[in-house]
Amino acid sequence: MAVHPTWHITSEDRVVLEGALDRETVPVLWREITQWHPKSDQVQVDLAQIDRIDSAGMVMLLHLIEHAKKRNCHIMLGFVPDQLMTLMRLSNVESILADHINNAA
């Protein structure tokens, strides 16, 4: 059984993602995220509470960055799990996301 992720908007410039981001949970979460309209020109997305992530979760984060960009908002991913960093390296998207990673958050 999948652990359903949650999307907590803690302030205009900070969001916390919790739970599992995988092929079973991403579709429901993505429907929620597409309703989000950032109110800041930069938003920190805290990934410290992510339990598990697979390639579907990684792609969802890429789409999140594009979704925000279309709304003139720059996404910074904070506390990026090692599992996600490995997926990004294996998928050759690490350089694409370099400007969106802030593990010092």
C-alpha atoms as a PDB file:
ATOM      1  CA  MET A   1       0.000   0.000   0.000  1.00  0.00           C
ATOM      2  CA  ALA A   2       1.363   3.409  -0.982  1.00  0.00           C
ATOM      3  CA  VAL A   3       2.005   6.130   1.561  1.00  0.00           C
ATOM      4  CA  HIS A   4       0.105   9.066   0.120  1.00  0.00           C
ATOM      5  CA  PRO A   5       2.213  12.187  -0.118  1.00  0.00           C
ATOM      6  CA  THR A   6       1.098  15.547   1.187  1.00  0.00           C
ATOM      7  CA  TRP A   7       1.757  19.035  -0.133  1.00  0.00           C
ATOM      8  CA  HIS A   8       1.869  21.603   2.695  1.00  0.00           C
ATOM      9  CA  ILE A   9       2.066  25.273   1.785  1.00  0.00           C
ATOM     10  CA  THR A  10       3.710  26.668   4.917  1.00  0.00           C
ATOM     11  CA  SER A  11       4.173  30.225   3.594  1.00  0.00           C
ATOM     12  CA  GLU A  12       4.135  32.137   0.309  1.00  0.00           C
ATOM     13  CA  ASP A  13       7.716  31.076  -0.341  1.00  0.00           C
ATOM     14  CA  ARG A  14       7.895  27.597   1.239  1.00  0.00           C
ATOM     15  CA  VAL A  15       6.224  24.247   0.558  1.00  0.00           C
ATOM     16  CA  VAL A  16       6.867  20.944   2.318  1.00  0.00           C
ATOM     17  CA  LEU A  17       6.404  17.621   0.519  1.00  0.00           C
ATOM     18  CA  GLU A  18       5.972  14.540   2.704  1.00  0.00           C
ATOM     19  CA  GLY A  19       5.523  10.830   2.051  1.00  0.00           C
ATOM     20  CA  ALA A  20       6.271   8.740  -1.020  1.00  0.00           C
ATOM     21  CA  LEU A  21       6.594  10.142  -4.541  1.00  0.00           C
ATOM     22  CA  ASP A  22       6.165   7.149  -6.813  1.00  0.00           C
ATOM     23  CA  ARG A  23       4.095   5.994  -9.765  1.00  0.00           C
ATOM     24  CA  GLU A  24       1.205   5.068  -7.486  1.00  0.00           C
ATOM     25  CA  THR A  25       1.004   8.362  -5.595  1.00  0.00           C
ATOM     26  CA  VAL A  26       2.140  10.992  -8.098  1.00  0.00           C
ATOM     27  CA  PRO A  27      -1.094  11.257 -10.181  1.00  0.00           C
ATOM     28  CA  VAL A  28      -3.250  12.287  -7.207  1.00  0.00           C
ATOM     29  CA  LEU A  29      -0.620  14.689  -5.868  1.00  0.00           C
ATOM     30  CA  TRP A  30      -0.074  16.233  -9.315  1.00  0.00           C
ATOM     31  CA  ARG A  31      -3.781  17.096  -9.597  1.00  0.00           C
ATOM     32  CA  GLU A  32      -3.438  19.017  -6.323  1.00  0.00           C
ATOM     33  CA  ILE A  33      -0.235  20.760  -7.386  1.00  0.00           C
ATOM     34  CA  THR A  34      -1.665  21.946 -10.709  1.00  0.00           C
ATOM     35  CA  GLN A  35      -4.239  23.955  -8.741  1.00  0.00           C
ATOM     36  CA  TRP A  36      -1.413  25.827  -6.974  1.00  0.00           C
ATOM     37  CA  HIS A  37      -0.613  29.365  -8.070  1.00  0.00           C
ATOM     38  CA  PRO A  38       2.604  30.629  -6.474  1.00  0.00           C
ATOM     39  CA  LYS A  39       2.414  34.077  -4.917  1.00  0.00           C
ATOM     40  CA  SER A  40       6.184  34.537  -4.726  1.00  0.00           C
ATOM     41  CA  ASP A  41       8.847  34.747  -7.430  1.00  0.00           C
ATOM     42  CA  GLN A  42      10.849  31.993  -5.666  1.00  0.00           C
ATOM     43  CA  VAL A  43       9.552  29.067  -3.624  1.00  0.00           C
ATOM     44  CA  GLN A  44      11.575  26.609  -1.560  1.00  0.00           C
ATOM     45  CA  VAL A  45      10.213  23.042  -1.820  1.00  0.00           C
ATOM     46  CA  ASP A  46      11.414  21.083   1.218  1.00  0.00           C
ATOM     47  CA  LEU A  47      11.965  17.389   0.428  1.00  0.00           C
ATOM     48  CA  ALA A  48      13.331  16.362   3.852  1.00  0.00           C
ATOM     49  CA  GLN A  49      10.174  14.378   4.670  1.00  0.00           C
ATOM     50  CA  ILE A  50      10.135  12.314   1.451  1.00  0.00           C
ATOM     51  CA  ASP A  51      10.156   8.630   2.407  1.00  0.00           C
ATOM     52  CA  ARG A  52      10.675   7.189  -1.058  1.00  0.00           C
ATOM     53  CA  ILE A  53      10.968   8.522  -4.594  1.00  0.00           C
ATOM     54  CA  ASP A  54      11.120   6.822  -7.980  1.00  0.00           C
ATOM     55  CA  SER A  55      11.421   8.098 -11.545  1.00  0.00           C
ATOM     56  CA  ALA A  56       7.745   9.163 -11.581  1.00  0.00           C
ATOM     57  CA  GLY A  57       8.419  11.367  -8.553  1.00  0.00           C
ATOM     58  CA  MET A  58      11.478  12.852 -10.218  1.00  0.00           C
ATOM     59  CA  VAL A  59       9.489  13.647 -13.370  1.00  0.00           C
ATOM     60  CA  MET A  60       6.743  15.214 -11.243  1.00  0.00           C
ATOM     61  CA  LEU A  61       9.343  17.546  -9.711  1.00  0.00           C
ATOM     62  CA  LEU A  62      10.539  18.479 -13.214  1.00  0.00           C
ATOM     63  CA  HIS A  63       6.933  19.277 -14.165  1.00  0.00           C
ATOM     64  CA  LEU A  64       6.524  21.258 -10.931  1.00  0.00           C
ATOM     65  CA  ILE A  65       9.508  23.400 -11.910  1.00  0.00           C
ATOM     66  CA  GLU A  66       7.972  24.035 -15.349  1.00  0.00           C
ATOM     67  CA  HIS A  67       4.519  24.684 -13.833  1.00  0.00           C
ATOM     68  CA  ALA A  68       6.020  27.328 -11.544  1.00  0.00           C
ATOM     69  CA  LYS A  69       8.197  28.814 -14.297  1.00  0.00           C
ATOM     70  CA  LYS A  70       5.076  29.478 -16.387  1.00  0.00           C
ATOM     71  CA  ARG A  71       3.829  31.494 -13.406  1.00  0.00           C
ATOM     72  CA  ASN A  72       7.087  33.469 -13.096  1.00  0.00           C
ATOM     73  CA  CYS A  73       8.261  31.513 -10.088  1.00  0.00           C
ATOM     74  CA  HIS A  74      11.630  29.812  -9.547  1.00  0.00           C
ATOM     75  CA  ILE A  75      11.545  26.547  -7.589  1.00  0.00           C
ATOM     76  CA  MET A  76      14.405  25.625  -5.270  1.00  0.00           C
ATOM     77  CA  LEU A  77      14.457  22.021  -4.049  1.00  0.00           C
ATOM     78  CA  GLY A  78      15.787  21.755  -0.522  1.00  0.00           C
ATOM     79  CA  PHE A  79      16.999  18.715   1.396  1.00  0.00           C
ATOM     80  CA  VAL A  80      17.112  16.618  -1.785  1.00  0.00           C
ATOM     81  CA  PRO A  81      17.275  12.924  -0.792  1.00  0.00           C
ATOM     82  CA  ASP A  82      20.269  10.847  -1.927  1.00  0.00           C
ATOM     83  CA  GLN A  83      17.850   8.539  -3.760  1.00  0.00           C
ATOM     84  CA  LEU A  84      16.665  11.474  -5.904  1.00  0.00           C
ATOM     85  CA  MET A  85      20.220  12.685  -6.552  1.00  0.00           C
ATOM     86  CA  THR A  86      21.094   9.183  -7.807  1.00  0.00           C
ATOM     87  CA  LEU A  87      18.013   9.092 -10.059  1.00  0.00           C
ATOM     88  CA  MET A  88      18.927  12.499 -11.499  1.00  0.00           C
ATOM     89  CA  ARG A  89      22.487  11.351 -12.254  1.00  0.00           C
ATOM     90  CA  LEU A  90      21.290   8.106 -13.871  1.00  0.00           C
ATOM     91  CA  SER A  91      18.717  10.018 -15.937  1.00  0.00           C
ATOM     92  CA  ASN A  92      21.193  12.704 -17.016  1.00  0.00           C
ATOM     93  CA  VAL A  93      19.014  15.524 -15.657  1.00  0.00           C
ATOM     94  CA  GLU A  94      21.318  16.591 -12.832  1.00  0.00           C
ATOM     95  CA  SER A  95      22.750  19.466 -14.882  1.00  0.00           C
ATOM     96  CA  ILE A  96      19.247  20.615 -15.873  1.00  0.00           C
ATOM     97  CA  LEU A  97      18.240  20.789 -12.216  1.00  0.00           C
ATOM     98  CA  ALA A  98      21.486  22.237 -10.860  1.00  0.00           C
ATOM     99  CA  ASP A  99      19.973  25.741 -10.587  1.00  0.00           C
ATOM    100  CA  HIS A 100      17.044  24.312  -8.624  1.00  0.00           C
ATOM    101  CA  ILE A 101      18.872  22.431  -5.868  1.00  0.00           C
ATOM    102  CA  ASN A 102      19.681  24.011  -2.530  1.00  0.00           C
ATOM    103  CA  ASN A 103      20.686  21.327  -0.046  1.00  0.00           C
ATOM    104  CA  ALA A 104      21.879  23.952   2.393  1.00  0.00           C
ATOM    105  CA  ALA A 105      18.239  24.877   3.005  1.00  0.00           C
END
